[in-house]
Amino acid sequence: MNRTAIVLEAHGGPGMLRLKEIPVFEPVPGQVLVQAAAAGVNFMGIGVRSGIFGLERPLPFTLGVQGPAGSWHSERASISSA
């Protein structure tokens, strides 16, 4: 199963962002999988893309990881509260 993601493959301007289909990660014990309907790219993401914050991120890097809106998809953990 695949998902659509905004992927940064090299630092630079907006032209470095690529819309790609990438594999969905299967949760391992202690993790959950959330089906995201939307995820924003904020100011920090722009900094990571530009390389101006000096954040070491292995490339390719998927942007839009903060606060996705979505629903619970599958569970590999015992969670008592959210």
N, C-alpha and C. Protein backbone atom coordinates (compact mmCIF):
# COMPACT_ATOMS: atom_id res chain seq x y z
N MET A 1 0.85 -1.18 0.00
CA MET A 1 0.00 0.00 0.00
C MET A 1 0.90 1.24 0.00
N ASN A 2 0.52 2.25 -0.78
CA ASN A 2 1.29 3.48 -0.89
C ASN A 2 0.53 4.67 -0.34
N ARG A 3 1.26 5.76 -0.11
CA ARG A 3 0.67 7.02 0.32
C ARG A 3 1.31 8.13 -0.50
N THR A 4 0.64 9.27 -0.59
CA THR A 4 1.17 10.43 -1.28
C THR A 4 1.88 11.30 -0.26
N ALA A 5 3.09 11.76 -0.60
CA ALA A 5 3.88 12.57 0.32
C ALA A 5 4.63 13.66 -0.43
N ILE A 6 4.93 14.75 0.27
CA ILE A 6 5.82 15.78 -0.25
C ILE A 6 7.21 15.42 0.24
N VAL A 7 8.10 15.11 -0.69
CA VAL A 7 9.42 14.60 -0.34
C VAL A 7 10.49 15.60 -0.76
N LEU A 8 11.42 15.86 0.15
CA LEU A 8 12.57 16.72 -0.11
C LEU A 8 13.76 15.80 -0.39
N GLU A 9 14.30 15.90 -1.61
CA GLU A 9 15.42 15.04 -1.99
C GLU A 9 16.75 15.79 -1.97
N ALA A 10 16.70 17.13 -1.99
CA ALA A 10 17.89 17.97 -1.92
C ALA A 10 17.46 19.33 -1.37
N HIS A 11 18.36 20.02 -0.66
CA HIS A 11 18.03 21.32 -0.10
C HIS A 11 17.97 22.37 -1.21
N GLY A 12 17.09 23.37 -1.02
CA GLY A 12 16.97 24.45 -1.98
C GLY A 12 15.60 25.09 -1.92
N GLY A 13 15.17 25.65 -3.03
CA GLY A 13 13.90 26.34 -3.11
C GLY A 13 12.72 25.39 -3.28
N PRO A 14 11.54 25.96 -3.52
CA PRO A 14 10.33 25.15 -3.65
C PRO A 14 10.43 24.08 -4.75
N GLY A 15 11.26 24.30 -5.75
CA GLY A 15 11.43 23.34 -6.83
C GLY A 15 12.04 22.03 -6.38
N MET A 16 12.58 21.99 -5.17
CA MET A 16 13.17 20.76 -4.64
C MET A 16 12.12 19.79 -4.10
N LEU A 17 10.89 20.28 -3.90
CA LEU A 17 9.83 19.44 -3.35
C LEU A 17 9.22 18.58 -4.44
N ARG A 18 9.02 17.33 -4.14
CA ARG A 18 8.44 16.39 -5.10
C ARG A 18 7.22 15.71 -4.47
N LEU A 19 6.13 15.65 -5.20
CA LEU A 19 4.96 14.90 -4.79
C LEU A 19 5.16 13.46 -5.27
N LYS A 20 5.26 12.52 -4.32
CA LYS A 20 5.60 11.15 -4.68
C LYS A 20 4.69 10.16 -3.97
N GLU A 21 4.58 9.00 -4.54
CA GLU A 21 3.92 7.86 -3.91
C GLU A 21 5.02 7.06 -3.21
N ILE A 22 4.88 6.88 -1.89
CA ILE A 22 5.87 6.14 -1.12
C ILE A 22 5.14 5.07 -0.30
N PRO A 23 5.86 4.02 0.11
CA PRO A 23 5.21 2.94 0.87
C PRO A 23 4.69 3.41 2.23
N VAL A 24 3.57 2.84 2.64
CA VAL A 24 3.05 3.06 3.98
C VAL A 24 3.85 2.18 4.93
N PHE A 25 4.28 2.75 6.04
CA PHE A 25 5.03 2.00 7.03
C PHE A 25 4.08 1.12 7.84
N GLU A 26 4.46 -0.10 8.08
CA GLU A 26 3.68 -0.97 8.95
C GLU A 26 4.12 -0.72 10.39
N PRO A 27 3.18 -0.49 11.31
CA PRO A 27 3.57 -0.24 12.69
C PRO A 27 4.19 -1.49 13.32
N VAL A 28 5.17 -1.25 14.17
CA VAL A 28 5.79 -2.32 14.95
C VAL A 28 5.23 -2.22 16.36
N PRO A 29 5.45 -3.21 17.20
CA PRO A 29 4.92 -3.11 18.58
C PRO A 29 5.34 -1.80 19.24
N GLY A 30 4.35 -1.13 19.84
CA GLY A 30 4.58 0.14 20.50
C GLY A 30 4.27 1.34 19.61
N GLN A 31 3.83 1.11 18.36
CA GLN A 31 3.51 2.19 17.43
C GLN A 31 2.06 2.08 16.96
N VAL A 32 1.53 3.21 16.45
CA VAL A 32 0.22 3.22 15.82
C VAL A 32 0.36 3.84 14.44
N LEU A 33 -0.56 3.54 13.55
CA LEU A 33 -0.60 4.11 12.22
C LEU A 33 -1.84 4.98 12.12
N VAL A 34 -1.68 6.25 11.75
CA VAL A 34 -2.79 7.19 11.60
C VAL A 34 -2.93 7.50 10.12
N GLN A 35 -4.16 7.38 9.61
CA GLN A 35 -4.42 7.73 8.21
C GLN A 35 -4.65 9.23 8.15
N ALA A 36 -3.71 9.97 7.59
CA ALA A 36 -3.78 11.43 7.55
C ALA A 36 -4.59 11.89 6.36
N ALA A 37 -5.53 12.79 6.61
CA ALA A 37 -6.31 13.40 5.54
C ALA A 37 -5.60 14.65 5.02
N ALA A 38 -4.83 15.31 5.90
CA ALA A 38 -4.10 16.52 5.52
C ALA A 38 -2.98 16.75 6.52
N ALA A 39 -1.89 17.34 6.07
CA ALA A 39 -0.79 17.72 6.94
C ALA A 39 -0.15 18.97 6.36
N GLY A 40 0.12 19.94 7.20
CA GLY A 40 0.67 21.20 6.73
C GLY A 40 2.18 21.22 6.73
N VAL A 41 2.73 22.08 5.88
CA VAL A 41 4.16 22.36 5.88
C VAL A 41 4.30 23.76 6.46
N ASN A 42 4.92 23.86 7.64
CA ASN A 42 5.00 25.14 8.33
C ASN A 42 6.35 25.81 8.11
N PHE A 43 6.60 26.89 8.85
CA PHE A 43 7.83 27.67 8.70
C PHE A 43 9.07 26.82 8.93
N MET A 44 9.03 25.93 9.92
CA MET A 44 10.17 25.07 10.19
C MET A 44 10.45 24.15 9.00
N GLY A 45 9.41 23.65 8.36
CA GLY A 45 9.58 22.82 7.18
C GLY A 45 10.24 23.58 6.04
N ILE A 46 9.90 24.87 5.91
CA ILE A 46 10.53 25.70 4.89
C ILE A 46 12.01 25.86 5.20
N GLY A 47 12.34 26.02 6.49
CA GLY A 47 13.74 26.12 6.90
C GLY A 47 14.52 24.86 6.62
N VAL A 48 13.90 23.71 6.91
CA VAL A 48 14.55 22.42 6.63
C VAL A 48 14.78 22.30 5.12
N ARG A 49 13.76 22.65 4.34
CA ARG A 49 13.89 22.59 2.88
C ARG A 49 15.04 23.47 2.39
N SER A 50 15.14 24.68 2.94
CA SER A 50 16.16 25.62 2.51
C SER A 50 17.54 25.30 3.07
N GLY A 51 17.58 24.53 4.15
CA GLY A 51 18.85 24.20 4.79
C GLY A 51 19.37 25.30 5.69
N ILE A 52 18.52 26.29 6.07
CA ILE A 52 19.00 27.44 6.84
C ILE A 52 19.02 27.21 8.34
N PHE A 53 18.34 26.21 8.83
CA PHE A 53 18.30 25.97 10.27
C PHE A 53 19.43 25.06 10.74
N GLY A 54 20.17 24.48 9.84
CA GLY A 54 21.24 23.58 10.22
C GLY A 54 20.76 22.29 10.84
N LEU A 55 19.51 21.92 10.59
CA LEU A 55 18.97 20.68 11.12
C LEU A 55 19.47 19.52 10.28
N GLU A 56 20.05 18.54 10.92
CA GLU A 56 20.53 17.37 10.21
C GLU A 56 19.38 16.42 9.99
N ARG A 57 18.93 16.31 8.79
CA ARG A 57 17.86 15.39 8.41
C ARG A 57 18.38 14.53 7.27
N PRO A 58 18.29 13.22 7.42
CA PRO A 58 18.70 12.38 6.29
C PRO A 58 17.74 12.59 5.12
N LEU A 59 18.29 12.73 3.94
CA LEU A 59 17.49 12.89 2.73
C LEU A 59 17.36 11.55 2.04
N PRO A 60 16.24 11.23 1.44
CA PRO A 60 15.05 12.07 1.30
C PRO A 60 14.31 12.23 2.63
N PHE A 61 13.65 13.38 2.80
CA PHE A 61 12.92 13.72 4.02
C PHE A 61 11.49 14.06 3.63
N THR A 62 10.52 13.53 4.38
CA THR A 62 9.11 13.79 4.11
C THR A 62 8.64 14.97 4.95
N LEU A 63 8.19 16.03 4.29
CA LEU A 63 7.68 17.21 4.98
C LEU A 63 6.22 17.01 5.35
N GLY A 64 5.72 17.86 6.25
CA GLY A 64 4.31 17.80 6.64
C GLY A 64 4.03 16.78 7.72
N VAL A 65 4.95 16.63 8.66
CA VAL A 65 4.79 15.61 9.69
C VAL A 65 4.17 16.15 10.97
N GLN A 66 3.95 17.45 11.07
CA GLN A 66 3.39 18.01 12.30
C GLN A 66 1.88 18.07 12.25
N GLY A 67 1.27 17.49 13.24
CA GLY A 67 -0.17 17.62 13.46
C GLY A 67 -1.05 17.23 12.30
N PRO A 68 -0.85 16.05 11.70
CA PRO A 68 -1.75 15.69 10.60
C PRO A 68 -3.18 15.48 11.10
N ALA A 69 -4.13 15.84 10.25
CA ALA A 69 -5.55 15.59 10.54
C ALA A 69 -5.92 14.26 9.93
N GLY A 70 -6.47 13.37 10.73
CA GLY A 70 -6.81 12.07 10.17
C GLY A 70 -7.52 11.19 11.17
N SER A 71 -7.46 9.90 10.94
CA SER A 71 -8.15 8.95 11.80
C SER A 71 -7.25 7.76 12.10
N TRP A 72 -7.56 7.08 13.19
CA TRP A 72 -6.85 5.90 13.64
C TRP A 72 -6.97 4.82 12.58
N HIS A 73 -5.87 4.22 12.18
CA HIS A 73 -5.92 3.21 11.12
C HIS A 73 -5.62 1.81 11.64
N SER A 74 -4.52 1.65 12.38
CA SER A 74 -4.21 0.34 12.95
C SER A 74 -3.32 0.53 14.17
N GLU A 75 -3.26 -0.50 14.99
CA GLU A 75 -2.57 -0.40 16.28
C GLU A 75 -1.66 -1.61 16.47
N ARG A 76 -0.49 -1.36 17.02
CA ARG A 76 0.43 -2.42 17.42
C ARG A 76 0.89 -2.17 18.85
N ALA A 77 0.03 -1.51 19.64
CA ALA A 77 0.39 -1.16 21.01
C ALA A 77 -0.85 -1.16 21.88
N SER A 78 -0.67 -1.28 23.16
CA SER A 78 -1.76 -1.12 24.10
C SER A 78 -1.73 0.33 24.58
N ILE A 79 -2.75 1.08 24.23
CA ILE A 79 -2.81 2.49 24.59
C ILE A 79 -4.05 2.69 25.45
N SER A 80 -3.85 3.28 26.64
CA SER A 80 -4.97 3.45 27.54
C SER A 80 -5.61 4.83 27.41
N SER A 81 -4.87 5.84 26.91
CA SER A 81 -5.46 7.16 26.71
C SER A 81 -4.69 7.86 25.61
N ALA A 82 -5.34 8.85 25.01
CA ALA A 82 -4.71 9.60 23.92
C ALA A 82 -4.60 11.05 24.30
